[in-house]
Amino acid sequence: MKTLDRLWTVDEVADYLGVPVGTLYQWRCKRTGPPGRRIGKHLRYLPEDVREWVREQT
């Protein structure tokens, strides 16, 4: 069984996508960016969700 990747932080996703952190928060408010999840008070992303979101962009 494949071990799941650890969750990415907002900073890691911003770095991966090459966008400012503020852009991720704007996208989240508009529900247009990669899906994130609240883990307690922290926002985290599943790497596979971010990669899938990138593939879906035209």
Protein backbone atom coordinates (compact mmCIF):
# COMPACT_ATOMS: atom_id res chain seq x y z
CA MET A 1 0.00 0.00 0.00
CA LYS A 2 1.35 3.42 -0.98
CA THR A 3 2.00 5.84 1.87
CA LEU A 4 0.05 9.06 1.45
CA ASP A 5 1.96 12.30 1.03
CA ARG A 6 1.85 14.60 4.00
CA LEU A 7 -0.44 17.61 3.79
CA TRP A 8 0.96 20.80 2.27
CA THR A 9 0.90 24.17 4.00
CA VAL A 10 -0.32 27.34 2.33
CA ASP A 11 3.30 28.42 1.83
CA GLU A 12 4.17 25.12 0.15
CA VAL A 13 1.19 25.31 -2.21
CA ALA A 14 1.97 28.93 -3.07
CA ASP A 15 5.56 27.94 -3.84
CA TYR A 16 4.45 24.94 -5.92
CA LEU A 17 2.05 27.08 -7.96
CA GLY A 18 4.33 30.10 -8.12
CA VAL A 19 1.72 32.48 -6.71
CA PRO A 20 1.63 34.69 -3.60
CA VAL A 21 0.02 33.28 -0.46
CA GLY A 22 -2.58 36.04 -0.63
CA THR A 23 -3.72 34.74 -4.01
CA LEU A 24 -4.48 31.34 -2.48
CA TYR A 25 -6.63 32.98 0.19
CA GLN A 26 -8.46 35.04 -2.48
CA TRP A 27 -9.07 31.92 -4.54
CA ARG A 28 -10.34 30.14 -1.44
CA CYS A 29 -12.85 32.91 -0.72
CA LYS A 30 -14.02 32.79 -4.35
CA ARG A 31 -13.97 28.97 -4.37
CA THR A 32 -11.85 28.95 -7.52
CA GLY A 33 -8.52 27.56 -6.32
CA PRO A 34 -7.37 24.13 -5.25
CA PRO A 35 -9.49 22.65 -2.47
CA GLY A 36 -8.03 23.14 0.98
CA ARG A 37 -9.07 21.75 4.33
CA ARG A 38 -9.11 23.20 7.81
CA ILE A 39 -7.19 21.03 10.25
CA GLY A 40 -7.92 22.72 13.54
CA LYS A 41 -7.03 26.35 12.91
CA HIS A 42 -4.64 25.52 10.05
CA LEU A 43 -5.33 25.40 6.32
CA ARG A 44 -3.83 22.37 4.61
CA TYR A 45 -3.92 20.87 1.14
CA LEU A 46 -3.70 17.31 -0.13
CA PRO A 47 -0.91 17.27 -2.75
CA GLU A 48 -3.01 15.11 -5.10
CA ASP A 49 -5.88 17.65 -4.93
CA VAL A 50 -3.52 20.49 -5.87
CA ARG A 51 -2.01 18.50 -8.74
CA GLU A 52 -5.48 17.51 -10.00
CA TRP A 53 -6.64 21.15 -9.81
CA VAL A 54 -3.62 22.18 -11.93
CA ARG A 55 -4.44 19.50 -14.54
CA GLU A 56 -8.04 20.77 -14.76
CA GLN A 57 -7.00 24.35 -15.54
CA THR A 58 -7.37 25.41 -19.17
